[in-house]
Amino acid sequence: MHLLVGLGNPGAKYARNRHNIGFMALDEIVRRHGFGPWRKRFEAQCAEGTLAGVKVLALKPETFMNHSGRSVGAAVRFYKLEPGDVTVIHDEIDLAPEKVRFKVGGGHAGHNGIRDVAAQIGADFARVRIGVGHPGLKDRVSGHVLDDFSKAEMAWVEPLIDAVAAAAPRLAAGDGPGFTNELGRILAPEKPAAKTEPAKAADGKAAPPERDGG
């Protein structure tokens, strides 16, 4: 069993907040990969499915961001999981918009949801950090993350969420580097090699092919 957690705040008024990009990404994973219906468990909305042959529980805490760990901890204890069986998807103000980073363990960098999850299950869980940018001043952070994404921002949010969902089987398989590589491939596919034009002579006609001397 792998526990895949999206962080956010419950309720329609928060649905498009920058703080809720974890919820947005998890919703798309559940939709794309044909998970079962959302059901209320562990003070959360939960849906069951399979990714890369691994049984997955998708979990969106309904405890509000600062108490996300209560819900995550309840699920971890029920299924007797280790921190290594958990991946949390969340917003990250210390990353530029559109940037995504995967890491295992580490500090919470001031993110109250991550802080609370770590307090409940330990810090050695995987995180998918989705950049939403920093407003520039510390006292503006709360307003920034609790504001909705603008229409212009949604132009990158939607393709990014689609890409995270497409690469999500790598997360269930415990393949963080593979997830990162696949995400990059989806978002920046290789361009086909440019065709080489034949060299032209001074009169504008194609130059004859060179021959070996003899």
C-alpha atoms as a PDB file:
ATOM      1  CA  MET A   1       0.000   0.000   0.000  1.00  0.00           C
ATOM      2  CA  HIS A   2       1.218   3.486  -0.879  1.00  0.00           C
ATOM      3  CA  LEU A   3      -0.393   6.542   0.687  1.00  0.00           C
ATOM      4  CA  LEU A   4      -0.564   9.447  -1.761  1.00  0.00           C
ATOM      5  CA  VAL A   5      -1.527  12.678  -0.003  1.00  0.00           C
ATOM      6  CA  GLY A   6      -2.526  16.015  -1.471  1.00  0.00           C
ATOM      7  CA  LEU A   7      -2.464  19.005   0.874  1.00  0.00           C
ATOM      8  CA  GLY A   8      -4.975  21.823   0.833  1.00  0.00           C
ATOM      9  CA  ASN A   9      -7.946  23.293   2.637  1.00  0.00           C
ATOM     10  CA  PRO A  10     -11.454  21.801   2.286  1.00  0.00           C
ATOM     11  CA  GLY A  11     -14.348  23.769   0.856  1.00  0.00           C
ATOM     12  CA  ALA A  12     -15.275  25.446  -2.426  1.00  0.00           C
ATOM     13  CA  LYS A  13     -13.891  28.854  -1.461  1.00  0.00           C
ATOM     14  CA  TYR A  14     -10.367  27.414  -1.209  1.00  0.00           C
ATOM     15  CA  ALA A  15     -10.552  25.174  -4.272  1.00  0.00           C
ATOM     16  CA  ARG A  16      -8.461  27.393  -6.590  1.00  0.00           C
ATOM     17  CA  ASN A  17      -6.065  28.734  -3.947  1.00  0.00           C
ATOM     18  CA  ARG A  18      -2.332  28.355  -4.528  1.00  0.00           C
ATOM     19  CA  HIS A  19      -2.258  26.477  -1.205  1.00  0.00           C
ATOM     20  CA  ASN A  20      -4.560  23.841  -2.724  1.00  0.00           C
ATOM     21  CA  ILE A  21      -2.432  22.718  -5.647  1.00  0.00           C
ATOM     22  CA  GLY A  22      -1.838  19.437  -3.802  1.00  0.00           C
ATOM     23  CA  PHE A  23      -5.594  18.778  -3.840  1.00  0.00           C
ATOM     24  CA  MET A  24      -5.757  19.746  -7.525  1.00  0.00           C
ATOM     25  CA  ALA A  25      -2.972  17.346  -8.472  1.00  0.00           C
ATOM     26  CA  LEU A  26      -4.472  14.481  -6.469  1.00  0.00           C
ATOM     27  CA  ASP A  27      -7.893  15.024  -8.034  1.00  0.00           C
ATOM     28  CA  GLU A  28      -6.344  14.676 -11.483  1.00  0.00           C
ATOM     29  CA  ILE A  29      -4.391  11.538 -10.497  1.00  0.00           C
ATOM     30  CA  VAL A  30      -7.599   9.912  -9.234  1.00  0.00           C
ATOM     31  CA  ARG A  31      -9.508  10.909 -12.379  1.00  0.00           C
ATOM     32  CA  ARG A  32      -6.831   9.915 -14.885  1.00  0.00           C
ATOM     33  CA  HIS A  33      -6.065   6.532 -13.361  1.00  0.00           C
ATOM     34  CA  GLY A  34      -9.651   5.467 -12.713  1.00  0.00           C
ATOM     35  CA  PHE A  35      -9.616   5.300  -8.917  1.00  0.00           C
ATOM     36  CA  GLY A  36     -12.772   4.428  -7.029  1.00  0.00           C
ATOM     37  CA  PRO A  37     -15.152   7.078  -5.657  1.00  0.00           C
ATOM     38  CA  TRP A  38     -14.144   9.503  -2.940  1.00  0.00           C
ATOM     39  CA  ARG A  39     -15.249   8.371   0.508  1.00  0.00           C
ATOM     40  CA  LYS A  40     -14.878   9.954   3.928  1.00  0.00           C
ATOM     41  CA  ARG A  41     -12.271   8.177   6.098  1.00  0.00           C
ATOM     42  CA  PHE A  42      -9.567   9.264   8.527  1.00  0.00           C
ATOM     43  CA  GLU A  43     -11.047  12.814   8.653  1.00  0.00           C
ATOM     44  CA  ALA A  44     -10.303  13.000   4.934  1.00  0.00           C
ATOM     45  CA  GLN A  45     -11.655  12.292   1.476  1.00  0.00           C
ATOM     46  CA  CYS A  46     -10.096   9.019   0.289  1.00  0.00           C
ATOM     47  CA  ALA A  47     -10.117   7.114  -2.994  1.00  0.00           C
ATOM     48  CA  GLU A  48      -8.546   3.737  -3.744  1.00  0.00           C
ATOM     49  CA  GLY A  49      -6.793   2.704  -6.928  1.00  0.00           C
ATOM     50  CA  THR A  50      -3.711   1.083  -8.423  1.00  0.00           C
ATOM     51  CA  LEU A  51      -0.588   2.685  -9.881  1.00  0.00           C
ATOM     52  CA  ALA A  52       2.279   0.655 -11.347  1.00  0.00           C
ATOM     53  CA  GLY A  53       0.750  -2.480  -9.838  1.00  0.00           C
ATOM     54  CA  VAL A  54       0.787  -0.941  -6.360  1.00  0.00           C
ATOM     55  CA  LYS A  55      -2.389  -0.444  -4.328  1.00  0.00           C
ATOM     56  CA  VAL A  56      -2.730   3.267  -3.568  1.00  0.00           C
ATOM     57  CA  LEU A  57      -4.876   5.238  -1.169  1.00  0.00           C
ATOM     58  CA  ALA A  58      -5.313   8.849  -2.294  1.00  0.00           C
ATOM     59  CA  LEU A  59      -6.022  11.079   0.693  1.00  0.00           C
ATOM     60  CA  LYS A  60      -7.131  14.729   0.970  1.00  0.00           C
ATOM     61  CA  PRO A  61      -7.277  15.806   4.635  1.00  0.00           C
ATOM     62  CA  GLU A  62     -10.395  17.709   5.696  1.00  0.00           C
ATOM     63  CA  THR A  63      -8.726  18.931   8.875  1.00  0.00           C
ATOM     64  CA  PHE A  64      -7.485  22.166   7.267  1.00  0.00           C
ATOM     65  CA  MET A  65      -3.853  22.638   6.358  1.00  0.00           C
ATOM     66  CA  ASN A  66      -2.355  23.190   9.804  1.00  0.00           C
ATOM     67  CA  HIS A  67      -3.731  19.868  11.092  1.00  0.00           C
ATOM     68  CA  SER A  68      -3.085  17.715   8.004  1.00  0.00           C
ATOM     69  CA  GLY A  69      -0.937  15.325  10.022  1.00  0.00           C
ATOM     70  CA  ARG A  70      -3.870  14.157  12.110  1.00  0.00           C
ATOM     71  CA  SER A  71      -5.524  12.650   9.061  1.00  0.00           C
ATOM     72  CA  VAL A  72      -2.309  11.298   7.526  1.00  0.00           C
ATOM     73  CA  GLY A  73      -1.228   9.805  10.850  1.00  0.00           C
ATOM     74  CA  ALA A  74      -4.553   7.998  11.276  1.00  0.00           C
ATOM     75  CA  ALA A  75      -4.211   6.349   7.851  1.00  0.00           C
ATOM     76  CA  VAL A  76      -0.568   5.421   8.439  1.00  0.00           C
ATOM     77  CA  ARG A  77      -1.380   3.768  11.765  1.00  0.00           C
ATOM     78  CA  PHE A  78      -4.421   1.932  10.391  1.00  0.00           C
ATOM     79  CA  TYR A  79      -2.474   0.367   7.511  1.00  0.00           C
ATOM     80  CA  LYS A  80       0.730  -0.036   9.559  1.00  0.00           C
ATOM     81  CA  LEU A  81       2.713   1.973   7.019  1.00  0.00           C
ATOM     82  CA  GLU A  82       6.190   3.414   7.281  1.00  0.00           C
ATOM     83  CA  PRO A  83       7.065   7.035   6.320  1.00  0.00           C
ATOM     84  CA  GLY A  84       8.676   5.604   3.181  1.00  0.00           C
ATOM     85  CA  ASP A  85       5.219   4.418   2.052  1.00  0.00           C
ATOM     86  CA  VAL A  86       3.925   8.013   1.978  1.00  0.00           C
ATOM     87  CA  THR A  87       4.192  10.718  -0.693  1.00  0.00           C
ATOM     88  CA  VAL A  88       2.818  14.208  -0.030  1.00  0.00           C
ATOM     89  CA  ILE A  89       2.083  16.678  -2.837  1.00  0.00           C
ATOM     90  CA  HIS A  90       2.074  20.317  -1.761  1.00  0.00           C
ATOM     91  CA  ASP A  91       2.670  23.952  -2.718  1.00  0.00           C
ATOM     92  CA  GLU A  92       6.127  25.457  -2.240  1.00  0.00           C
ATOM     93  CA  ILE A  93       6.707  29.217  -2.060  1.00  0.00           C
ATOM     94  CA  ASP A  94      10.487  28.798  -2.204  1.00  0.00           C
ATOM     95  CA  LEU A  95      10.236  27.449  -5.751  1.00  0.00           C
ATOM     96  CA  ALA A  96       9.408  29.574  -8.779  1.00  0.00           C
ATOM     97  CA  PRO A  97       6.026  28.973 -10.394  1.00  0.00           C
ATOM     98  CA  GLU A  98       5.981  25.875 -12.635  1.00  0.00           C
ATOM     99  CA  LYS A  99       9.021  24.321 -10.936  1.00  0.00           C
ATOM    100  CA  VAL A 100       8.588  20.883  -9.362  1.00  0.00           C
ATOM    101  CA  ARG A 101      11.059  19.160  -7.068  1.00  0.00           C
ATOM    102  CA  PHE A 102      10.980  15.698  -5.515  1.00  0.00           C
ATOM    103  CA  LYS A 103      12.734  14.934  -2.255  1.00  0.00           C
ATOM    104  CA  VAL A 104      12.619  12.515   0.652  1.00  0.00           C
ATOM    105  CA  GLY A 105      12.844  13.802   4.205  1.00  0.00           C
ATOM    106  CA  GLY A 106      14.213  17.153   5.291  1.00  0.00           C
ATOM    107  CA  GLY A 107      12.661  20.114   7.040  1.00  0.00           C
ATOM    108  CA  HIS A 108       9.283  21.750   6.544  1.00  0.00           C
ATOM    109  CA  ALA A 109      10.577  25.176   5.353  1.00  0.00           C
ATOM    110  CA  GLY A 110       7.736  26.895   7.195  1.00  0.00           C
ATOM    111  CA  HIS A 111       4.982  24.894   5.491  1.00  0.00           C
ATOM    112  CA  ASN A 112       2.486  24.185   8.256  1.00  0.00           C
ATOM    113  CA  GLY A 113       0.949  21.190   6.543  1.00  0.00           C
ATOM    114  CA  ILE A 114       4.313  19.487   6.120  1.00  0.00           C
ATOM    115  CA  ARG A 115       5.249  20.446   9.679  1.00  0.00           C
ATOM    116  CA  ASP A 116       2.167  18.704  11.040  1.00  0.00           C
ATOM    117  CA  VAL A 117       2.577  15.577   8.908  1.00  0.00           C
ATOM    118  CA  ALA A 118       6.193  15.247  10.076  1.00  0.00           C
ATOM    119  CA  ALA A 119       5.096  15.676  13.704  1.00  0.00           C
ATOM    120  CA  GLN A 120       2.697  12.741  13.301  1.00  0.00           C
ATOM    121  CA  ILE A 121       4.669  10.219  11.225  1.00  0.00           C
ATOM    122  CA  GLY A 122       8.286  11.445  11.184  1.00  0.00           C
ATOM    123  CA  ALA A 123      10.053  13.410   8.471  1.00  0.00           C
ATOM    124  CA  ASP A 124      11.224  10.574   6.205  1.00  0.00           C
ATOM    125  CA  PHE A 125       8.346  10.679   3.732  1.00  0.00           C
ATOM    126  CA  ALA A 126       8.554  11.727   0.076  1.00  0.00           C
ATOM    127  CA  ARG A 127       7.428  15.178  -1.030  1.00  0.00           C
ATOM    128  CA  VAL A 128       6.441  16.527  -4.429  1.00  0.00           C
ATOM    129  CA  ARG A 129       6.997  20.275  -4.064  1.00  0.00           C
ATOM    130  CA  ILE A 130       5.143  22.381  -6.638  1.00  0.00           C
ATOM    131  CA  GLY A 131       6.384  25.950  -6.921  1.00  0.00           C
ATOM    132  CA  VAL A 132       3.873  28.780  -6.549  1.00  0.00           C
ATOM    133  CA  GLY A 133       6.415  31.596  -6.107  1.00  0.00           C
ATOM    134  CA  HIS A 134       7.105  33.943  -3.215  1.00  0.00           C
ATOM    135  CA  PRO A 135       5.311  37.302  -2.865  1.00  0.00           C
ATOM    136  CA  GLY A 136       8.587  38.971  -1.850  1.00  0.00           C
ATOM    137  CA  LEU A 137       7.718  39.925   1.711  1.00  0.00           C
ATOM    138  CA  LYS A 138       7.185  37.542   4.624  1.00  0.00           C
ATOM    139  CA  ASP A 139       4.027  39.281   5.804  1.00  0.00           C
ATOM    140  CA  ARG A 140       2.405  38.709   2.416  1.00  0.00           C
ATOM    141  CA  VAL A 141       2.944  34.943   2.325  1.00  0.00           C
ATOM    142  CA  SER A 142      -0.381  33.999   3.928  1.00  0.00           C
ATOM    143  CA  GLY A 143      -2.382  36.168   1.540  1.00  0.00           C
ATOM    144  CA  HIS A 144      -0.377  34.889  -1.410  1.00  0.00           C
ATOM    145  CA  VAL A 145      -0.985  31.191  -0.792  1.00  0.00           C
ATOM    146  CA  LEU A 146      -4.645  31.748   0.114  1.00  0.00           C
ATOM    147  CA  ASP A 147      -5.322  33.711  -3.084  1.00  0.00           C
ATOM    148  CA  ASP A 148      -6.685  31.966  -6.153  1.00  0.00           C
ATOM    149  CA  PHE A 149      -4.452  31.246  -9.109  1.00  0.00           C
ATOM    150  CA  SER A 150      -4.965  33.945 -11.721  1.00  0.00           C
ATOM    151  CA  LYS A 151      -6.256  33.130 -15.197  1.00  0.00           C
ATOM    152  CA  ALA A 152      -2.743  33.619 -16.537  1.00  0.00           C
ATOM    153  CA  GLU A 153      -1.320  31.219 -13.944  1.00  0.00           C
ATOM    154  CA  MET A 154      -3.873  28.557 -14.810  1.00  0.00           C
ATOM    155  CA  ALA A 155      -2.273  28.416 -18.259  1.00  0.00           C
ATOM    156  CA  TRP A 156       0.699  26.622 -16.639  1.00  0.00           C
ATOM    157  CA  VAL A 157      -1.090  25.062 -13.650  1.00  0.00           C
ATOM    158  CA  GLU A 158      -3.351  22.830 -15.734  1.00  0.00           C
ATOM    159  CA  PRO A 159      -0.643  21.295 -17.974  1.00  0.00           C
ATOM    160  CA  LEU A 160       1.589  20.834 -14.929  1.00  0.00           C
ATOM    161  CA  ILE A 161      -1.112  19.006 -12.999  1.00  0.00           C
ATOM    162  CA  ASP A 162      -1.767  16.816 -16.032  1.00  0.00           C
ATOM    163  CA  ALA A 163       1.946  15.960 -16.203  1.00  0.00           C
ATOM    164  CA  VAL A 164       2.144  15.138 -12.481  1.00  0.00           C
ATOM    165  CA  ALA A 165      -0.833  12.806 -12.908  1.00  0.00           C
ATOM    166  CA  ALA A 166       0.728  11.124 -15.935  1.00  0.00           C
ATOM    167  CA  ALA A 167       3.994  10.516 -14.066  1.00  0.00           C
ATOM    168  CA  ALA A 168       2.316   9.478 -10.784  1.00  0.00           C
ATOM    169  CA  PRO A 169       2.867   5.706 -11.229  1.00  0.00           C
ATOM    170  CA  ARG A 170       6.569   6.394 -10.636  1.00  0.00           C
ATOM    171  CA  LEU A 171       5.689   7.793  -7.212  1.00  0.00           C
ATOM    172  CA  ALA A 172       3.823   4.651  -6.199  1.00  0.00           C
ATOM    173  CA  ALA A 173       6.791   2.591  -7.377  1.00  0.00           C
ATOM    174  CA  GLY A 174       9.151   4.621  -5.176  1.00  0.00           C
ATOM    175  CA  ASP A 175      11.026   5.939  -8.198  1.00  0.00           C
ATOM    176  CA  GLY A 176      11.540   9.632  -7.422  1.00  0.00           C
ATOM    177  CA  PRO A 177      14.237  10.227 -10.085  1.00  0.00           C
ATOM    178  CA  GLY A 178      12.069   8.447 -12.651  1.00  0.00           C
ATOM    179  CA  PHE A 179       9.119  10.670 -11.712  1.00  0.00           C
ATOM    180  CA  THR A 180      11.263  13.791 -12.154  1.00  0.00           C
ATOM    181  CA  ASN A 181      12.624  12.600 -15.498  1.00  0.00           C
ATOM    182  CA  GLU A 182       9.214  11.672 -16.850  1.00  0.00           C
ATOM    183  CA  LEU A 183       7.757  14.982 -15.720  1.00  0.00           C
ATOM    184  CA  GLY A 184      10.508  16.838 -17.563  1.00  0.00           C
ATOM    185  CA  ARG A 185       9.969  14.772 -20.699  1.00  0.00           C
ATOM    186  CA  ILE A 186       6.237  15.496 -20.705  1.00  0.00           C
ATOM    187  CA  LEU A 187       6.588  19.217 -20.055  1.00  0.00           C
ATOM    188  CA  ALA A 188       9.556  19.794 -22.380  1.00  0.00           C
ATOM    189  CA  PRO A 189       9.472  17.085 -25.053  1.00  0.00           C
ATOM    190  CA  GLU A 190      12.519  16.757 -27.274  1.00  0.00           C
ATOM    191  CA  LYS A 191      12.226  18.673 -30.507  1.00  0.00           C
ATOM    192  CA  PRO A 192      12.818  16.692 -33.721  1.00  0.00           C
ATOM    193  CA  ALA A 193      16.267  17.195 -35.195  1.00  0.00           C
ATOM    194  CA  ALA A 194      16.380  19.866 -37.890  1.00  0.00           C
ATOM    195  CA  LYS A 195      16.805  18.552 -41.416  1.00  0.00           C
ATOM    196  CA  THR A 196      20.197  19.279 -42.931  1.00  0.00           C
ATOM    197  CA  GLU A 197      19.933  21.214 -46.179  1.00  0.00           C
ATOM    198  CA  PRO A 198      22.387  20.258 -48.935  1.00  0.00           C
ATOM    199  CA  ALA A 199      25.172  22.763 -49.435  1.00  0.00           C
ATOM    200  CA  LYS A 200      24.710  25.147 -52.365  1.00  0.00           C
ATOM    201  CA  ALA A 201      27.293  26.348 -54.870  1.00  0.00           C
ATOM    202  CA  ALA A 202      27.868  29.997 -55.551  1.00  0.00           C
ATOM    203  CA  ASP A 203      25.266  29.960 -58.356  1.00  0.00           C
ATOM    204  CA  GLY A 204      22.597  28.805 -55.923  1.00  0.00           C
ATOM    205  CA  LYS A 205      22.440  25.256 -57.227  1.00  0.00           C
ATOM    206  CA  ALA A 206      23.031  22.298 -54.969  1.00  0.00           C
ATOM    207  CA  ALA A 207      26.713  21.475 -54.848  1.00  0.00           C
ATOM    208  CA  PRO A 208      27.686  18.036 -56.171  1.00  0.00           C
ATOM    209  CA  PRO A 209      28.620  15.493 -53.527  1.00  0.00           C
ATOM    210  CA  GLU A 210      32.256  15.321 -52.614  1.00  0.00           C
ATOM    211  CA  ARG A 211      34.237  12.311 -53.846  1.00  0.00           C
ATOM    212  CA  ASP A 212      37.217  10.652 -52.318  1.00  0.00           C
ATOM    213  CA  GLY A 213      40.474  11.657 -54.038  1.00  0.00           C
ATOM    214  CA  GLY A 214      42.095   9.335 -56.587  1.00  0.00           C
END
